[in-house]
Amino acid sequence: MDLGRWPGWKGVFGSRFGCRWVVWVLGLWMGSGSVIRLLAQVDPEARDLLQFGYNQAFEGRAPFSGYAFYYRNQPGFLSSNLTLRLVVAPVYLDAELAMREVLGQGTHVAVGVAGGGYGESYNEIRHGRYIESESFLGHGGTVSGSLYHRLDEGWRVPLYAMVRLSGFYTEYEEGDETASGFVLPPDHFGWRVRTGLRWGGSEPVLFPRSAMELSVWYELERRTSSGGYGFGWDRELEPWNHRWWARAMLTHTRRQSGVQFATGLTGGWSVQVDRVGTYRLGAVLPFATEFAVALPGYFYQELTAEGFALVHASVSWPLDESQRWYVTWLGSGAWVDDLPGVSVSDRWHSGLGLGVRYQSPAWQLVLAYGYGVRALRADGHGAHSVGVLLQVDLQRSRSALIGPDSPFRSRALFRWWGGN
């Protein structure tokens, strides 16, 4: 499930070529292309962004948690009614081409393709302990067709319905530390149907100045191959997965003071799901999943849930008159109904975070500390982590380098050559 999936990097070249350092420099990808995939409407703004995020835990051994990707949204691609959305990571690509109003006013059709390495990997974490012997790598690809339809008639906040049908293929392989007696899940083809309603939405940027969303979703997944895997087939890859989830969120920035408030509630439930397809919560990595489920101080994907409800709130204060420096406080809490066989230490979990942010028109950088209040570790409850988030707006970076004035404004060279 994209709400909590990442490629689980053992190494892009780790097991086969032995170049692990390449992974740490380039292999920072998460979410199997899910970063921008579920917008439920065609993004009308041109965007050219680089995103980077990384979390490092202080207690215990954790799977690598980070991402780096290039995101481009290009309205008017090839023709005026086409919009290209592209996410590129070192060994993964996710692209969608939308045809605006091809089926009438307010109705858009899109085709997409995604695929590459490590996007379907799985890391086993139980009771705050990362179990490498039961973790494995996964690769695959997806093709999809989507229909986006605007239901309102000129409302200031748009209401969209979305239906997506996709086909996929997934294959698994052992990681460096996967136990020799651990049987991998069967490779398989499959298909998914997703439908939902979204009122409002949020820009795919690190800190949107304002945003509002109410949305509800359902997804049905069918795998052509299923069955037991693990030690003595002690766990199951289910043929069917049913998932429901919803989100309410609000972000507002006061114009005069620059103080920013954000709050949100995300909840999900599932039926017939397994370890690979269920919800997973933990860490603060805003673009690692389609819907951010932040729990400061926790490992990424530490909590495996059949159902959950998570509430979060944050406040950012500017520290200077130019509003370049900010301090941010974040708090979140979650109720978790654990998946049978992957029990969690408690039903209730919470985390607190504190960060310092610098922003310019072209880039933003955040350094943050997180404390997982109920995260279970070897010495009891409580865990610490640090993180870094970076966003670079390439459009604004190029403008800053070139400057606001046209380079042809100076005609000295032409005059020297005898021109007018």
Protein backbone atom coordinates (compact mmCIF):
# COMPACT_ATOMS: atom_id res chain seq x y z
CA MET A 1 0.00 0.00 0.00
CA ASP A 2 1.44 3.36 -1.06
CA LEU A 3 0.36 4.93 2.19
CA GLY A 4 3.39 3.33 3.74
CA ARG A 5 5.62 1.70 1.16
CA TRP A 6 9.24 2.34 0.27
CA PRO A 7 11.86 0.45 -1.67
CA GLY A 8 13.80 -0.65 1.41
CA TRP A 9 17.21 0.12 0.00
CA LYS A 10 19.77 -2.52 0.76
CA GLY A 11 21.57 -1.00 -2.16
CA VAL A 12 20.96 -0.31 -5.79
CA PHE A 13 24.13 -2.29 -6.46
CA GLY A 14 24.53 -3.71 -2.95
CA SER A 15 23.83 -7.40 -3.35
CA ARG A 16 24.97 -7.80 -6.95
CA PHE A 17 27.80 -5.35 -7.53
CA GLY A 18 29.04 -4.49 -4.04
CA CYS A 19 28.98 -0.70 -4.56
CA ARG A 20 27.03 0.28 -1.46
CA TRP A 21 28.39 3.81 -1.40
CA VAL A 22 26.55 4.49 -4.66
CA VAL A 23 23.31 3.69 -2.86
CA TRP A 24 23.86 6.25 -0.15
CA VAL A 25 24.63 8.93 -2.70
CA LEU A 26 22.04 8.05 -5.35
CA GLY A 27 19.69 5.42 -3.96
CA LEU A 28 17.47 7.70 -1.93
CA TRP A 29 14.06 6.81 -3.22
CA MET A 30 10.85 5.94 -1.47
CA GLY A 31 7.24 5.24 -2.13
CA SER A 32 7.48 3.43 -5.51
CA GLY A 33 6.58 6.62 -7.31
CA SER A 34 3.78 7.42 -4.88
CA VAL A 35 5.11 10.86 -4.11
CA ILE A 36 2.77 12.72 -6.42
CA ARG A 37 0.65 9.99 -7.92
CA LEU A 38 -2.64 10.60 -6.14
CA LEU A 39 -3.54 14.23 -6.82
CA ALA A 40 -7.10 13.38 -7.95
CA GLN A 41 -6.93 16.32 -10.30
CA VAL A 42 -4.61 17.48 -13.03
CA ASP A 43 -2.09 19.95 -11.59
CA PRO A 44 -2.47 23.22 -13.56
CA GLU A 45 0.82 24.76 -12.36
CA ALA A 46 4.22 24.33 -13.99
CA ARG A 47 6.68 22.89 -11.46
CA ASP A 48 10.33 21.91 -11.56
CA LEU A 49 11.44 20.63 -8.15
CA LEU A 50 14.14 18.60 -6.45
CA GLN A 51 13.17 16.96 -3.15
CA PHE A 52 15.38 15.31 -0.53
CA GLY A 53 14.48 13.83 2.85
CA TYR A 54 16.32 11.72 5.40
CA ASN A 55 15.64 10.43 8.94
CA GLN A 56 18.29 8.94 11.26
CA ALA A 57 17.29 7.07 14.42
CA PHE A 58 19.47 7.19 17.56
CA GLU A 59 18.28 3.97 19.25
CA GLY A 60 18.27 0.55 17.64
CA ARG A 61 19.04 -0.59 14.12
CA ALA A 62 16.59 0.72 11.54
CA PRO A 63 16.16 0.35 7.78
CA PHE A 64 17.44 3.24 5.71
CA SER A 65 14.75 5.96 5.50
CA GLY A 66 15.16 8.66 2.91
CA TYR A 67 14.26 9.83 -0.56
CA ALA A 68 15.59 11.98 -3.38
CA PHE A 69 13.69 12.66 -6.57
CA TYR A 70 13.06 15.13 -9.36
CA TYR A 71 9.46 16.25 -9.94
CA ARG A 72 8.27 18.00 -13.07
CA ASN A 73 4.76 19.11 -13.96
CA GLN A 74 4.43 20.59 -17.44
CA PRO A 75 1.07 21.92 -18.66
CA GLY A 76 1.00 22.47 -22.42
CA PHE A 77 3.28 19.50 -23.10
CA LEU A 78 3.31 19.05 -26.91
CA SER A 79 -0.16 20.62 -27.15
CA SER A 80 -2.27 22.99 -25.07
CA ASN A 81 -4.52 20.31 -23.56
CA LEU A 82 -1.75 17.89 -22.48
CA THR A 83 -0.09 17.91 -19.06
CA LEU A 84 2.94 15.78 -18.24
CA ARG A 85 3.64 14.81 -14.64
CA LEU A 86 7.01 13.15 -14.10
CA VAL A 87 8.80 11.77 -11.03
CA VAL A 88 12.35 10.54 -11.58
CA ALA A 89 14.56 8.76 -9.02
CA PRO A 90 17.85 6.89 -9.53
CA VAL A 91 16.29 3.56 -10.57
CA TYR A 92 12.60 4.42 -10.65
CA LEU A 93 10.32 6.46 -12.88
CA ASP A 94 6.66 7.45 -12.54
CA ALA A 95 5.03 9.36 -15.40
CA GLU A 96 1.48 10.36 -16.26
CA LEU A 97 0.19 12.15 -19.35
CA ALA A 98 -3.17 13.86 -18.83
CA MET A 99 -5.49 14.95 -21.62
CA ARG A 100 -7.57 17.83 -20.30
CA GLU A 101 -11.32 17.94 -21.03
CA VAL A 102 -11.04 15.23 -23.66
CA LEU A 103 -14.45 13.85 -22.60
CA GLY A 104 -16.12 17.22 -22.06
CA GLN A 105 -15.79 20.18 -19.77
CA GLY A 106 -14.19 19.30 -16.45
CA THR A 107 -13.41 15.68 -17.42
CA HIS A 108 -9.78 14.67 -17.91
CA VAL A 109 -8.27 11.34 -18.95
CA ALA A 110 -4.72 10.24 -18.13
CA VAL A 111 -2.45 7.32 -18.89
CA GLY A 112 0.49 6.46 -16.68
CA VAL A 113 3.47 4.17 -16.37
CA ALA A 114 5.70 3.52 -13.36
CA GLY A 115 8.39 1.02 -12.56
CA GLY A 116 11.92 0.18 -11.62
CA GLY A 117 13.93 -1.40 -8.86
CA TYR A 118 13.29 -1.81 -5.13
CA GLY A 119 9.89 -0.10 -5.11
CA GLU A 120 8.14 -3.22 -3.74
CA SER A 121 10.66 -4.12 -1.02
CA TYR A 122 9.50 -4.99 2.48
CA ASN A 123 11.15 -4.45 5.87
CA GLU A 124 9.91 -6.45 8.85
CA ILE A 125 9.71 -4.41 12.07
CA ARG A 126 8.12 -5.84 15.23
CA HIS A 127 8.09 -4.30 18.72
CA GLY A 128 10.58 -1.63 17.66
CA ARG A 129 13.08 -4.14 16.26
CA TYR A 130 14.14 -4.27 12.60
CA ILE A 131 14.35 -7.95 11.59
CA GLU A 132 16.57 -8.17 8.52
CA SER A 133 16.30 -11.95 8.29
CA GLU A 134 12.59 -11.57 7.44
CA SER A 135 12.99 -8.60 5.09
CA PHE A 136 13.32 -8.85 1.31
CA LEU A 137 13.62 -6.85 -1.91
CA GLY A 138 10.90 -6.26 -4.48
CA HIS A 139 10.79 -4.81 -7.99
CA GLY A 140 8.02 -4.20 -10.48
CA GLY A 141 6.09 -1.97 -12.82
CA THR A 142 2.62 -0.53 -13.34
CA VAL A 143 0.53 0.81 -16.21
CA SER A 144 -2.63 2.78 -15.47
CA GLY A 145 -5.54 4.70 -16.90
CA SER A 146 -7.32 7.39 -14.88
CA LEU A 147 -10.45 9.50 -15.16
CA TYR A 148 -10.65 12.84 -13.32
CA HIS A 149 -13.98 14.67 -13.24
CA ARG A 150 -14.75 17.99 -11.58
CA LEU A 151 -18.17 17.76 -9.92
CA ASP A 152 -18.73 21.37 -8.83
CA GLU A 153 -19.68 24.25 -11.08
CA GLY A 154 -17.22 27.03 -10.45
CA TRP A 155 -16.75 26.59 -6.71
CA ARG A 156 -13.72 28.35 -5.30
CA VAL A 157 -12.56 25.03 -3.82
CA PRO A 158 -12.77 22.30 -6.48
CA LEU A 159 -14.45 18.95 -5.89
CA TYR A 160 -13.06 16.09 -7.99
CA ALA A 161 -13.97 12.44 -8.46
CA MET A 162 -11.30 10.01 -9.62
CA VAL A 163 -11.34 6.45 -10.94
CA ARG A 164 -8.13 4.61 -11.77
CA LEU A 165 -7.58 1.13 -13.20
CA SER A 166 -4.03 -0.20 -13.17
CA GLY A 167 -2.23 -3.42 -13.93
CA PHE A 168 1.04 -4.36 -12.25
CA TYR A 169 3.75 -6.98 -11.95
CA THR A 170 5.86 -7.65 -8.83
CA GLU A 171 8.82 -9.92 -8.28
CA TYR A 172 10.84 -10.53 -5.11
CA GLU A 173 14.43 -11.44 -4.28
CA GLU A 174 16.44 -12.03 -1.13
CA GLY A 175 18.32 -9.18 0.50
CA ASP A 176 21.83 -9.52 1.85
CA GLU A 177 20.57 -10.51 5.30
CA THR A 178 17.43 -12.51 4.37
CA ALA A 179 17.55 -15.85 6.16
CA SER A 180 18.32 -18.86 3.97
CA GLY A 181 15.23 -20.69 5.23
CA PHE A 182 12.90 -17.77 4.59
CA VAL A 183 10.62 -18.46 1.59
CA LEU A 184 9.83 -15.36 -0.49
CA PRO A 185 6.29 -14.42 -1.51
CA PRO A 186 5.33 -15.60 -5.01
CA ASP A 187 5.98 -13.26 -7.93
CA HIS A 188 2.70 -12.14 -9.41
CA PHE A 189 0.69 -10.02 -11.81
CA GLY A 190 -2.34 -8.15 -10.60
CA TRP A 191 -4.71 -5.24 -11.01
CA ARG A 192 -6.08 -2.43 -8.85
CA VAL A 193 -9.18 -0.29 -8.97
CA ARG A 194 -9.13 2.95 -7.00
CA THR A 195 -11.90 5.49 -6.65
CA GLY A 196 -12.28 8.57 -4.50
CA LEU A 197 -13.60 12.06 -3.92
CA ARG A 198 -11.37 14.99 -3.04
CA TRP A 199 -12.53 18.47 -2.12
CA GLY A 200 -9.61 20.88 -2.20
CA GLY A 201 -6.07 19.58 -1.96
CA SER A 202 -2.50 20.65 -1.28
CA GLU A 203 0.30 21.69 -3.59
CA PRO A 204 3.17 19.16 -3.89
CA VAL A 205 5.64 21.46 -2.15
CA LEU A 206 7.37 21.25 1.19
CA PHE A 207 5.49 24.06 2.95
CA PRO A 208 2.36 25.25 1.11
CA ARG A 209 1.17 28.62 2.41
CA SER A 210 -2.46 27.53 2.43
CA ALA A 211 -4.29 24.27 1.78
CA MET A 212 -7.55 22.56 2.61
CA GLU A 213 -8.71 19.04 1.88
CA LEU A 214 -11.52 16.61 2.61
CA SER A 215 -11.20 13.29 0.81
CA VAL A 216 -12.40 9.67 0.94
CA TRP A 217 -10.94 6.70 -0.95
CA TYR A 218 -11.42 3.00 -1.68
CA GLU A 219 -9.00 0.62 -3.39
CA LEU A 220 -9.45 -3.01 -4.45
CA GLU A 221 -6.36 -5.05 -5.30
CA ARG A 222 -6.30 -8.49 -6.94
CA ARG A 223 -3.18 -10.65 -7.25
CA THR A 224 -3.02 -13.52 -9.72
CA SER A 225 -0.67 -15.51 -7.47
CA SER A 226 -0.93 -15.81 -3.69
CA GLY A 227 -0.12 -18.22 -0.92
CA GLY A 228 2.15 -18.83 2.01
CA TYR A 229 5.69 -17.57 2.51
CA GLY A 230 8.14 -16.96 5.36
CA PHE A 231 9.45 -19.61 7.76
CA GLY A 232 7.43 -22.75 7.10
CA TRP A 233 4.83 -20.62 5.28
CA ASP A 234 3.85 -18.95 8.56
CA ARG A 235 2.44 -15.87 6.78
CA GLU A 236 0.19 -15.32 3.78
CA LEU A 237 0.15 -13.24 0.62
CA GLU A 238 -3.58 -12.65 0.14
CA PRO A 239 -5.23 -12.79 -3.32
CA TRP A 240 -7.53 -9.84 -2.51
CA ASN A 241 -6.91 -6.61 -0.59
CA HIS A 242 -9.59 -4.05 0.32
CA ARG A 243 -8.57 -0.64 1.69
CA TRP A 244 -10.53 2.46 2.71
CA TRP A 245 -9.06 5.73 3.95
CA ALA A 246 -9.94 9.38 4.41
CA ARG A 247 -8.19 12.65 5.19
CA ALA A 248 -9.11 16.08 6.49
CA MET A 249 -6.42 18.76 6.63
CA LEU A 250 -6.02 22.52 6.84
CA THR A 251 -2.98 24.79 6.46
CA HIS A 252 -3.09 28.55 6.91
CA THR A 253 -0.40 31.26 6.97
CA ARG A 254 -1.15 34.64 8.53
CA ARG A 255 -0.28 37.33 6.02
CA GLN A 256 1.16 39.92 8.37
CA SER A 257 3.00 37.84 10.96
CA GLY A 258 3.95 34.89 8.73
CA VAL A 259 2.91 32.40 11.44
CA GLN A 260 1.76 29.14 9.85
CA PHE A 261 -0.72 26.67 11.36
CA ALA A 262 -1.36 23.16 10.03
CA THR A 263 -3.55 20.35 11.32
CA GLY A 264 -4.95 17.15 9.91
CA LEU A 265 -6.66 13.84 10.55
CA THR A 266 -6.00 10.72 8.49
CA GLY A 267 -7.66 7.36 9.02
CA GLY A 268 -7.74 4.03 7.25
CA TRP A 269 -9.21 0.55 7.46
CA SER A 270 -8.59 -2.66 5.53
CA VAL A 271 -9.96 -6.16 5.00
CA GLN A 272 -8.11 -9.29 3.82
CA VAL A 273 -4.80 -7.45 3.82
CA ASP A 274 -1.35 -8.86 4.47
CA ARG A 275 2.04 -7.51 5.55
CA VAL A 276 2.88 -6.33 2.04
CA GLY A 277 -0.38 -4.52 1.36
CA THR A 278 -1.37 -2.97 4.68
CA TYR A 279 -0.83 0.46 6.26
CA ARG A 280 2.50 1.37 7.86
CA LEU A 281 3.22 4.43 10.00
CA GLY A 282 6.29 6.20 11.35
CA ALA A 283 8.91 8.97 10.91
CA VAL A 284 8.51 12.44 9.36
CA LEU A 285 9.06 12.20 5.59
CA PRO A 286 6.35 14.26 3.88
CA PHE A 287 6.81 12.91 0.35
CA ALA A 288 7.54 9.27 1.19
CA THR A 289 3.84 8.38 0.88
CA GLU A 290 0.75 9.64 -0.88
CA PHE A 291 -0.71 10.72 2.45
CA ALA A 292 1.83 11.75 5.07
CA VAL A 293 1.40 9.87 8.37
CA ALA A 294 4.03 11.57 10.51
CA LEU A 295 5.13 10.10 13.85
CA PRO A 296 8.31 11.90 15.00
CA GLY A 297 10.98 9.73 16.59
CA TYR A 298 9.71 6.44 15.16
CA PHE A 299 11.39 4.33 12.50
CA TYR A 300 9.97 4.76 9.04
CA GLN A 301 7.15 2.17 8.65
CA GLU A 302 7.68 1.02 12.23
CA LEU A 303 3.99 0.36 12.93
CA THR A 304 2.04 -2.13 10.79
CA ALA A 305 -1.70 -1.50 11.03
CA GLU A 306 -4.88 -3.12 9.80
CA GLY A 307 -6.60 0.15 10.74
CA PHE A 308 -5.49 3.46 12.17
CA ALA A 309 -6.44 7.06 12.95
CA LEU A 310 -3.73 9.71 13.14
CA VAL A 311 -4.04 13.37 14.09
CA HIS A 312 -1.27 15.93 13.75
CA ALA A 313 -0.76 19.64 14.33
CA SER A 314 2.13 22.02 13.75
CA VAL A 315 2.95 25.70 14.20
CA SER A 316 5.79 27.61 12.50
CA TRP A 317 6.98 31.00 13.77
CA PRO A 318 9.25 33.34 11.77
CA LEU A 319 12.40 34.36 13.65
CA ASP A 320 13.29 37.43 11.59
CA GLU A 321 11.50 40.28 9.85
CA SER A 322 12.35 39.00 6.38
CA GLN A 323 10.68 35.65 7.27
CA ARG A 324 13.60 33.57 6.10
CA TRP A 325 14.18 31.70 9.38
CA TYR A 326 11.42 29.71 11.11
CA VAL A 327 11.09 27.46 14.13
CA THR A 328 8.47 24.70 13.88
CA TRP A 329 6.76 22.56 16.51
CA LEU A 330 5.01 19.34 15.50
CA GLY A 331 2.92 16.93 17.50
CA SER A 332 1.06 13.81 16.36
CA GLY A 333 -0.81 10.92 17.90
CA ALA A 334 -2.22 7.71 16.46
CA TRP A 335 -4.56 4.91 17.42
CA VAL A 336 -3.37 1.70 15.77
CA ASP A 337 -5.19 -1.61 15.28
CA ASP A 338 -2.34 -3.99 14.59
CA LEU A 339 -2.33 -6.57 11.83
CA PRO A 340 -2.60 -10.16 13.18
CA GLY A 341 0.89 -11.63 13.34
CA VAL A 342 2.62 -8.24 13.45
CA SER A 343 1.64 -6.97 16.89
CA VAL A 344 2.61 -3.51 18.10
CA SER A 345 3.55 -2.61 21.66
CA ASP A 346 0.54 -0.39 22.29
CA ARG A 347 -2.69 0.83 20.68
CA TRP A 348 -1.77 4.47 21.25
CA HIS A 349 1.34 6.12 19.88
CA SER A 350 2.54 9.72 19.85
CA GLY A 351 5.52 11.81 18.88
CA LEU A 352 6.86 15.35 19.19
CA GLY A 353 9.12 17.25 16.83
CA LEU A 354 11.05 20.51 16.79
CA GLY A 355 12.71 21.95 13.70
CA VAL A 356 14.51 25.00 12.31
CA ARG A 357 13.81 26.05 8.74
CA TYR A 358 15.51 28.42 6.34
CA GLN A 359 13.75 29.42 3.16
CA SER A 360 14.45 31.59 0.17
CA PRO A 361 12.42 32.00 -3.02
CA ALA A 362 14.46 29.21 -4.64
CA TRP A 363 15.05 26.66 -1.86
CA GLN A 364 14.07 25.49 1.63
CA LEU A 365 16.06 23.53 4.21
CA VAL A 366 14.76 21.99 7.45
CA LEU A 367 16.77 20.43 10.28
CA ALA A 368 14.54 18.64 12.78
CA TYR A 369 14.58 16.57 15.96
CA GLY A 370 11.88 14.01 16.79
CA TYR A 371 10.95 12.15 19.97
CA GLY A 372 8.75 9.06 19.79
CA VAL A 373 6.94 9.07 23.13
CA ARG A 374 5.59 5.51 22.91
CA ALA A 375 8.16 4.01 20.54
CA LEU A 376 9.38 0.72 22.02
CA ARG A 377 13.12 0.15 22.22
CA ALA A 378 15.39 -2.26 24.08
CA ASP A 379 15.58 -0.01 27.15
CA GLY A 380 11.84 0.83 27.27
CA HIS A 381 9.59 3.41 25.66
CA GLY A 382 10.96 6.57 24.07
CA ALA A 383 13.14 7.09 20.98
CA HIS A 384 15.05 9.96 19.37
CA SER A 385 15.76 10.81 15.75
CA VAL A 386 17.03 13.64 13.58
CA GLY A 387 16.03 14.53 10.06
CA VAL A 388 16.76 16.83 7.16
CA LEU A 389 14.38 18.00 4.41
CA LEU A 390 15.42 19.98 1.34
CA GLN A 391 13.42 21.39 -1.56
CA VAL A 392 14.95 23.21 -4.54
CA ASP A 393 12.72 25.06 -6.99
CA LEU A 394 14.70 24.85 -10.23
CA GLN A 395 12.56 27.42 -12.02
CA ARG A 396 13.24 30.05 -9.38
CA SER A 397 16.89 29.00 -9.12
CA ARG A 398 17.42 29.66 -12.82
CA SER A 399 15.64 33.02 -12.54
CA ALA A 400 17.87 34.02 -9.64
CA LEU A 401 20.99 33.13 -11.59
CA ILE A 402 19.94 34.98 -14.74
CA GLY A 403 18.55 37.97 -12.86
CA PRO A 404 15.39 40.00 -13.51
CA ASP A 405 16.80 42.03 -16.42
CA SER A 406 17.25 40.80 -19.96
CA PRO A 407 20.92 40.15 -20.86
CA PHE A 408 20.23 42.02 -24.14
CA ARG A 409 19.58 45.21 -22.20
CA SER A 410 23.32 45.99 -22.43
CA ARG A 411 24.25 46.95 -26.00
CA ALA A 412 27.88 47.91 -25.39
CA LEU A 413 29.27 45.04 -27.44
CA PHE A 414 27.09 45.91 -30.44
CA ARG A 415 28.20 49.56 -30.27
CA TRP A 416 31.84 48.42 -30.12
CA TRP A 417 31.24 46.44 -33.30
CA GLY A 418 29.73 49.53 -34.90
CA GLY A 419 26.09 48.65 -34.45
CA ASN A 420 23.30 51.07 -33.48
